[in-house]
Protein backbone atom coordinates (compact mmCIF):
# COMPACT_ATOMS: atom_id res chain seq x y z
CA MET A 1 -15.92 -22.94 13.21
CA PRO A 2 -12.32 -21.65 12.93
CA LEU A 3 -10.19 -23.85 10.71
CA PHE A 4 -7.75 -24.78 13.47
CA HIS A 5 -10.49 -26.23 15.66
CA SER A 6 -11.79 -28.25 12.71
CA PHE A 7 -8.29 -29.53 12.13
CA ARG A 8 -7.87 -30.57 15.76
CA LYS A 9 -11.06 -32.60 15.55
CA ALA A 10 -9.83 -34.23 12.35
CA ALA A 11 -6.44 -34.91 13.93
CA ALA A 12 -8.07 -36.50 16.97
CA ALA A 13 -10.19 -38.67 14.69
CA ALA A 14 -7.07 -39.73 12.83
CA VAL A 15 -5.36 -40.73 16.08
CA ILE A 16 -8.42 -42.74 17.16
CA ALA A 17 -8.42 -44.45 13.79
CA LEU A 18 -4.78 -45.36 14.17
CA LEU A 19 -5.43 -46.85 17.59
CA SER A 20 -8.52 -48.79 16.59
CA THR A 21 -7.39 -50.59 13.45
CA GLY A 22 -5.68 -53.42 15.21
CA PRO A 23 -2.01 -54.35 15.21
CA THR A 24 0.04 -52.18 12.87
CA PRO A 25 3.72 -52.58 12.08
CA LEU A 26 5.79 -50.24 14.26
CA ALA A 27 7.39 -48.62 11.22
CA ALA A 28 3.96 -47.71 9.81
CA GLN A 29 2.85 -46.36 13.20
CA SER A 30 5.93 -44.15 13.38
CA GLU A 31 5.35 -42.89 9.85
CA ASP A 32 1.71 -42.01 10.58
CA THR A 33 2.66 -40.25 13.82
CA ALA A 34 5.42 -38.30 12.08
CA GLU A 35 3.05 -37.13 9.36
CA LEU A 36 0.47 -36.04 11.90
CA ASP A 37 3.10 -34.18 13.94
CA ALA A 38 4.30 -32.42 10.79
CA LEU A 39 0.77 -31.39 9.92
CA VAL A 40 0.15 -30.08 13.42
CA ALA A 41 3.37 -28.03 13.17
CA VAL A 42 2.22 -26.50 9.88
CA ILE A 43 -1.16 -25.53 11.31
CA GLU A 44 0.45 -24.07 14.42
CA ALA A 45 2.81 -21.97 12.28
CA TRP A 46 -0.12 -20.69 10.22
CA ARG A 47 -2.26 -20.03 13.29
CA HIS A 48 0.35 -17.63 14.67
CA SER A 49 0.94 -15.90 11.34
CA PRO A 50 -0.72 -12.70 10.05
CA HIS A 51 -2.81 -14.82 7.69
CA GLY A 52 -4.33 -16.73 10.61
CA ASP A 53 -4.91 -13.81 12.98
CA TYR A 54 -8.66 -13.71 13.61
CA ALA A 55 -8.30 -10.51 15.66
CA SER A 56 -6.44 -8.60 12.95
CA GLU A 57 -7.89 -5.42 11.47
CA SER A 58 -7.41 -7.15 8.13
CA PHE A 59 -10.21 -9.56 8.99
CA THR A 60 -12.33 -7.60 11.48
CA HIS A 61 -12.63 -4.22 9.75
CA TRP A 62 -16.02 -5.10 8.25
CA ASN A 63 -17.56 -6.85 11.27
CA GLU A 64 -20.11 -4.11 11.87
CA ASP A 65 -21.15 -4.31 8.21
CA GLY A 66 -21.71 -8.05 8.37
CA ALA A 67 -19.82 -8.82 5.15
CA VAL A 68 -16.62 -7.96 3.32
CA PRO A 69 -17.44 -6.00 0.12
CA GLU A 70 -16.48 -7.35 -3.27
CA ASN A 71 -13.61 -4.91 -3.85
CA CYS A 72 -11.91 -6.03 -0.62
CA ALA A 73 -13.02 -9.65 -0.27
CA ALA A 74 -10.34 -11.33 -2.38
CA CYS A 75 -7.65 -10.55 0.15
CA HIS A 76 -9.59 -10.12 3.38
CA SER A 77 -11.73 -13.26 3.46
CA GLN A 78 -10.91 -16.79 2.39
CA PRO A 79 -14.31 -17.26 0.72
CA GLY A 80 -13.62 -14.06 -1.20
CA PHE A 81 -10.26 -15.37 -2.37
CA LEU A 82 -11.82 -18.66 -3.47
CA ASP A 83 -14.43 -16.61 -5.35
CA PHE A 84 -11.57 -14.68 -6.99
CA LEU A 85 -9.94 -17.95 -8.02
CA GLY A 86 -13.20 -19.13 -9.58
CA THR A 87 -13.59 -22.23 -7.44
CA ASP A 88 -17.37 -21.84 -7.66
CA GLY A 89 -17.28 -22.26 -11.44
CA ARG A 90 -17.74 -18.56 -12.13
CA GLU A 91 -15.29 -16.27 -13.86
CA ALA A 92 -11.87 -16.15 -12.22
CA GLY A 93 -10.19 -12.84 -11.47
CA VAL A 94 -13.26 -11.15 -10.03
CA VAL A 95 -15.26 -11.42 -6.81
CA ASN A 96 -18.94 -11.84 -7.54
CA HIS A 97 -20.49 -11.22 -4.12
CA PRO A 98 -19.64 -10.01 -0.60
CA ALA A 99 -17.75 -12.49 1.55
CA ALA A 100 -17.88 -13.69 5.14
CA ILE A 101 -16.33 -11.64 7.93
CA ASN A 102 -13.63 -13.10 10.21
CA ALA A 103 -12.69 -15.63 7.55
CA VAL A 104 -8.91 -15.55 7.59
CA ILE A 105 -6.63 -16.64 4.77
CA GLY A 106 -6.42 -20.37 5.47
CA CYS A 107 -5.29 -23.62 3.89
CA ALA A 108 -7.79 -23.62 1.03
CA SER A 109 -6.59 -20.24 -0.22
CA CYS A 110 -3.37 -21.81 -1.50
CA HIS A 111 -4.16 -25.52 -1.57
CA VAL A 112 -7.00 -25.87 -4.05
CA GLU A 113 -6.59 -26.85 -7.68
CA GLU A 114 -7.32 -23.34 -8.94
CA ALA A 115 -4.65 -21.83 -6.67
CA HIS A 116 -2.08 -24.37 -7.81
CA ALA A 117 -2.91 -23.54 -11.42
CA LEU A 118 -2.67 -19.77 -10.95
CA ASP A 119 0.47 -18.57 -12.72
CA ALA A 120 -0.18 -14.96 -13.76
CA VAL A 121 -1.35 -11.82 -11.95
CA THR A 122 -2.24 -8.38 -13.30
CA LEU A 123 -0.83 -5.48 -11.29
CA PRO A 124 -2.82 -2.26 -10.73
CA SER A 125 -0.68 -0.65 -13.45
CA GLY A 126 -2.04 -3.19 -15.94
CA VAL A 127 1.30 -5.00 -16.17
CA VAL A 128 0.81 -8.76 -16.33
CA LEU A 129 3.28 -10.91 -14.44
CA ASP A 130 3.40 -14.50 -15.62
CA GLY A 131 5.41 -17.58 -14.79
CA LEU A 132 4.89 -16.86 -11.10
CA GLY A 133 4.26 -20.42 -9.97
CA PRO A 134 3.55 -20.68 -6.23
CA ASN A 135 4.25 -16.95 -5.84
CA ALA A 136 1.10 -16.08 -7.78
CA THR A 137 -1.23 -16.38 -4.79
CA CYS A 138 1.08 -14.12 -2.75
CA THR A 139 1.21 -11.55 -5.55
CA VAL A 140 -2.57 -11.24 -5.83
CA CYS A 141 -2.81 -9.64 -2.40
CA HIS A 142 0.57 -7.95 -2.09
CA ALA A 143 0.52 -5.87 -5.27
CA GLY A 144 -1.21 -2.77 -3.92
CA ARG A 145 -4.32 -1.14 -5.30
CA THR A 146 -2.92 1.81 -7.27
CA SER A 147 0.06 2.75 -9.42
CA SER A 148 1.93 5.63 -11.01
CA ASP A 149 -0.84 5.66 -13.60
CA SER A 150 -3.47 6.31 -10.90
CA VAL A 151 -1.64 9.42 -9.72
CA SER A 152 -1.01 10.69 -13.24
CA ALA A 153 -4.68 10.29 -14.12
CA ALA A 154 -5.74 12.18 -10.98
CA VAL A 155 -3.52 15.20 -11.55
CA ASP A 156 -3.81 15.09 -15.35
CA THR A 157 -3.28 18.65 -16.65
CA LEU A 158 -3.80 20.46 -13.34
CA PRO A 159 -1.23 23.19 -12.53
CA ALA A 160 1.53 21.52 -10.49
CA ASP A 161 1.60 24.02 -7.63
CA THR A 162 -2.00 25.17 -7.39
CA VAL A 163 -4.32 23.71 -4.77
CA ALA A 164 -6.95 21.57 -6.47
CA PRO A 165 -10.00 20.94 -4.24
CA GLU A 166 -10.95 17.89 -6.30
CA LEU A 167 -7.79 16.04 -5.30
CA GLY A 168 -7.64 13.63 -2.37
CA PHE A 169 -4.87 11.41 -1.09
CA ILE A 170 -4.31 8.27 -3.15
CA ASN A 171 -3.36 5.30 -0.96
CA VAL A 172 -1.31 2.52 -2.57
CA HIS A 173 -2.67 0.13 0.10
CA TYR A 174 -0.70 -2.13 2.43
CA GLY A 175 1.83 -4.95 2.38
CA ILE A 176 2.90 -4.14 -1.19
CA ALA A 177 6.05 -6.27 -1.31
CA ALA A 178 5.18 -7.97 -4.60
CA ALA A 179 4.67 -4.63 -6.34
CA VAL A 180 7.88 -3.14 -4.93
CA MET A 181 9.86 -6.18 -6.07
CA GLU A 182 8.82 -5.40 -9.65
CA GLY A 183 10.22 -1.88 -9.34
CA GLY A 184 9.86 0.35 -12.37
CA ASP A 185 8.49 -2.55 -14.40
CA GLY A 186 5.41 -2.68 -12.18
CA ARG A 187 5.05 1.10 -11.61
CA ALA A 188 3.84 0.88 -8.01
CA GLY A 189 5.38 4.25 -7.15
CA PHE A 190 4.82 7.53 -8.95
CA HIS A 191 7.35 7.89 -11.75
CA TYR A 192 8.52 11.39 -12.48
CA PRO A 193 8.71 12.17 -16.21
CA GLY A 194 12.17 11.87 -17.70
CA GLN A 195 13.50 9.56 -14.98
CA ASP A 196 14.46 5.92 -15.33
CA TYR A 197 13.58 3.49 -12.54
CA ALA A 198 15.17 0.21 -11.51
CA GLY A 199 13.25 -2.80 -12.73
CA ALA A 200 12.40 -6.05 -11.01
CA PHE A 201 14.86 -6.99 -8.30
CA GLY A 202 16.15 -10.50 -8.95
CA HIS A 203 18.38 -10.90 -5.88
CA VAL A 204 20.12 -14.26 -6.39
CA PRO A 205 18.87 -17.64 -7.67
CA GLY A 206 17.13 -19.46 -4.86
CA ALA A 207 16.33 -16.23 -3.01
CA ASP A 208 14.31 -14.25 -5.52
CA THR A 209 10.72 -15.28 -4.82
CA CYS A 210 8.25 -14.91 -1.97
CA VAL A 211 8.35 -18.55 -0.89
CA ALA A 212 12.12 -18.78 -1.24
CA CYS A 213 12.63 -16.27 1.56
CA HIS A 214 9.42 -16.54 3.58
CA GLU A 215 8.23 -19.74 5.22
CA PRO A 216 4.85 -20.02 3.49
CA HIS A 217 2.81 -20.92 6.58
CA SER A 218 4.35 -18.68 9.25
CA THR A 219 5.47 -16.02 6.69
CA GLU A 220 8.65 -15.62 8.76
CA VAL A 221 11.87 -14.86 6.90
CA ALA A 222 14.48 -17.59 6.79
CA LEU A 223 17.32 -15.40 8.06
CA ASP A 224 19.92 -18.17 7.97
CA GLY A 225 19.95 -17.95 4.21
CA CYS A 226 20.59 -14.19 4.30
CA LEU A 227 23.37 -14.37 6.84
CA SER A 228 25.13 -17.29 5.20
CA CYS A 229 25.89 -15.05 2.21
CA HIS A 230 26.08 -11.68 3.95
CA ARG A 231 28.65 -12.71 6.51
CA GLY A 232 29.54 -10.44 9.37
CA VAL A 233 26.06 -9.03 9.98
CA GLU A 234 23.56 -10.11 12.60
CA ASP A 235 20.59 -8.08 11.36
CA PRO A 236 19.48 -8.02 7.69
CA ARG A 237 18.94 -4.27 8.05
CA ASP A 238 22.71 -3.96 8.24
CA ILE A 239 23.21 -5.47 4.79
CA ARG A 240 24.48 -3.08 2.13
CA MET A 241 25.53 -3.81 -1.44
CA GLN A 242 25.72 -0.15 -2.56
CA ASN A 243 28.24 2.11 -0.89
CA GLY A 244 26.87 5.54 -1.75
CA ASP A 245 25.72 8.08 0.82
CA PHE A 246 22.26 8.40 -0.64
CA ASP A 247 20.56 10.33 2.17
CA GLY A 248 23.40 12.86 2.45
CA ASP A 249 24.07 12.44 6.16
CA GLY A 250 27.76 11.76 5.63
CA ASP A 251 27.51 8.22 6.97
CA ASN A 252 27.36 5.12 4.80
CA SER A 253 28.59 2.67 7.43
CA GLY A 254 25.14 1.24 8.14
CA GLY A 255 22.95 -0.96 6.00
CA ILE A 256 20.94 0.20 3.01
CA HIS A 257 17.91 0.27 5.33
CA ALA A 258 19.44 3.31 7.06
CA GLU A 259 19.72 5.14 3.75
CA ILE A 260 16.05 4.51 2.96
CA MET A 261 15.00 5.70 6.41
CA GLY A 262 17.13 8.81 6.02
CA LEU A 263 15.52 9.63 2.68
CA GLN A 264 12.06 9.05 4.16
CA ALA A 265 12.80 11.55 6.93
CA LEU A 266 14.07 14.10 4.43
CA LEU A 267 11.00 13.67 2.26
CA TYR A 268 8.65 14.09 5.21
CA GLU A 269 10.28 17.39 6.14
CA ALA A 270 10.11 18.51 2.50
CA ILE A 271 6.41 17.61 2.37
CA ARG A 272 5.75 19.63 5.52
CA THR A 273 7.69 22.64 4.25
CA TYR A 274 5.97 22.63 0.88
CA ALA A 275 2.50 22.16 2.38
CA ALA A 276 2.93 25.11 4.70
CA GLU A 277 4.62 27.47 2.25
CA VAL A 278 3.00 26.60 -1.11
CA ALA A 279 -0.28 24.79 -0.37
CA GLY A 280 -0.89 27.13 2.56
CA THR A 281 -2.00 24.47 5.04
CA PRO A 282 0.42 22.61 7.35
CA ILE A 283 0.35 18.84 6.96
CA GLY A 284 1.15 15.84 9.14
CA TYR A 285 1.15 12.05 8.80
CA ALA A 286 -0.57 9.65 11.19
CA GLU A 287 0.33 6.01 10.74
CA GLY A 288 -2.67 3.73 11.12
CA SER A 289 -5.26 6.49 10.71
CA TYR A 290 -6.93 6.65 7.30
CA PRO A 291 -6.35 8.67 5.13
CA TYR A 292 -2.96 9.18 6.84
CA PHE A 293 -2.33 12.80 5.89
CA PHE A 294 -4.17 15.39 8.00
CA ALA A 295 -4.16 19.14 8.51
CA ASP A 296 -1.59 19.89 11.20
CA SER A 297 -3.40 22.59 13.15
CA ASP A 298 -0.57 23.32 15.57
CA GLY A 299 2.19 22.91 12.98
CA ASP A 300 4.28 20.57 15.14
CA GLY A 301 4.55 17.86 12.48
CA ALA A 302 2.75 15.33 14.68
CA ILE A 303 -0.87 14.28 14.29
CA ALA A 304 -2.53 13.34 17.55
CA GLY A 305 -5.97 13.10 19.10
CA ASP A 306 -8.71 14.87 17.18
CA GLU A 307 -6.28 15.85 14.43
CA ALA A 308 -6.25 12.23 13.22
CA ALA A 309 -9.94 12.25 12.31
CA PHE A 310 -11.38 11.91 8.83
CA PRO A 311 -13.07 15.34 8.83
CA ASN A 312 -9.58 16.80 9.38
CA ARG A 313 -8.07 14.92 6.42
CA TYR A 314 -5.70 17.00 4.36
CA GLN A 315 -7.60 18.77 1.59
CA SER A 316 -5.13 21.31 0.21
CA TRP A 317 -3.44 19.05 -2.27
CA THR A 318 -1.51 20.35 -5.22
CA PRO A 319 -0.44 17.81 -7.87
CA ARG A 320 3.21 18.12 -6.83
CA LEU A 321 2.39 17.54 -3.16
CA LEU A 322 0.16 14.57 -3.94
CA GLN A 323 2.86 12.91 -6.05
CA ALA A 324 5.44 13.22 -3.28
CA ALA A 325 3.04 12.10 -0.52
CA TYR A 326 2.04 9.09 -2.60
CA ASN A 327 5.68 7.98 -2.90
CA TYR A 328 6.21 8.55 0.81
CA GLN A 329 3.38 6.12 1.50
CA VAL A 330 4.71 3.60 -1.03
CA ALA A 331 8.02 3.45 0.83
CA LEU A 332 6.28 3.12 4.21
CA GLN A 333 3.95 0.35 3.10
CA ASP A 334 6.76 -2.05 2.32
CA PRO A 335 8.85 -2.12 5.49
CA GLY A 336 10.89 -4.90 3.88
CA GLY A 337 11.59 -2.79 0.82
CA TYR A 338 15.27 -2.59 1.76
CA VAL A 339 15.39 -6.26 0.74
CA HIS A 340 12.68 -6.34 -1.93
CA ASN A 341 14.00 -3.48 -4.07
CA PRO A 342 16.08 -0.85 -2.26
CA THR A 343 17.24 0.96 -5.39
CA TYR A 344 13.68 1.52 -6.59
CA LEU A 345 12.51 2.90 -3.26
CA MET A 346 15.49 5.25 -2.97
CA GLN A 347 14.86 6.53 -6.49
CA LEU A 348 11.22 7.28 -5.67
CA LEU A 349 12.16 9.08 -2.47
CA HIS A 350 15.03 11.00 -4.07
CA ASP A 351 12.94 12.22 -7.01
CA SER A 352 10.11 13.28 -4.70
CA ILE A 353 12.52 15.33 -2.58
CA GLU A 354 14.03 16.96 -5.66
CA SER A 355 10.57 17.81 -7.01
CA LEU A 356 9.54 19.60 -3.82
CA ALA A 357 12.94 21.27 -3.57
CA SER A 358 12.29 22.98 -6.89
CA GLN A 359 9.68 25.08 -5.08
CA VAL A 360 10.83 25.39 -1.46
CA ALA A 361 14.11 25.44 0.42
CA VAL A 362 15.19 21.83 1.00
CA ASP A 363 18.80 20.85 1.59
CA THR A 364 19.55 18.38 -1.19
CA ALA A 365 23.26 19.05 -1.48
CA GLY A 366 24.37 15.72 -0.07
CA ILE A 367 21.77 13.34 -1.42
CA ALA A 368 22.53 11.04 -4.36
CA ARG A 369 20.29 9.10 -6.71
CA PRO A 370 21.22 5.40 -6.99
């Protein structure tokens, strides 16, 4: 039975109990009613959040299989997350068996003793983050699945600009805000040798953690806090604390979000140019279709219809192309990256553009590295 329906039954039972225990002081009745109303509000907020969406691909992807596999279960099934926490007495940090389908991330995921005690998380790069407090449970599932190390290991000593049939696209995964916040310290993006990358983004005290900015049950951002400091803007995407023209379009009047989007567009064009001229096979990106990069048979830069099918996945990867495409995906998979760590994302995008521009004609004259 879905958690919300169980809660409603419990809430109804609580109301009946209140009404059937005889005369109760009015103050106590008001207090009980207020607590119940507050609890109902919390459940309603959760029920309409991504974590409580029973129809989401995040919780229905494995329905035909009948179970969520161990390597996915920690973040895509509440029983899997409880297994990861070690609530069954087994080793924490691993999932020991497949988990139930359509089991969303509910109350128990964050409100059991083991979740409250969790204080450290290991990122895919091997970096251990400790002292996380209530942000630890968020970090477990929003740290991605790969890192700069994954890409380096895949390309190893392969010639940078030679197609390697053994290479395939490496997907950082989705909702990687926690990894992006750590910046160069966490190595979520591919780091080009010889470059320095911005570390963890601290923002300001009181607004530098997951639960400080996101309401934990609805996951919505508390925008009032942003706009109280960044006066004069109505949309957080218009916030800018760095004045450079990083994407080279001659306009730095918008927010830092616009600079990131501009660099993403430049990188996509550079990827397409390099793929066609060096790898020898045109490439295109299809959001929402795994594995995202496909052979662009008509060369129009758009992947549609049969082009976005797994058999048509891009298979002409060179190490240089894979590195740049990986960073393109990193930037896309944290749409809030302009808040979480804008400098880090712009550095990844800039360096990827410059790498491709060393082999093909890409206009980099106006871009700047933060």
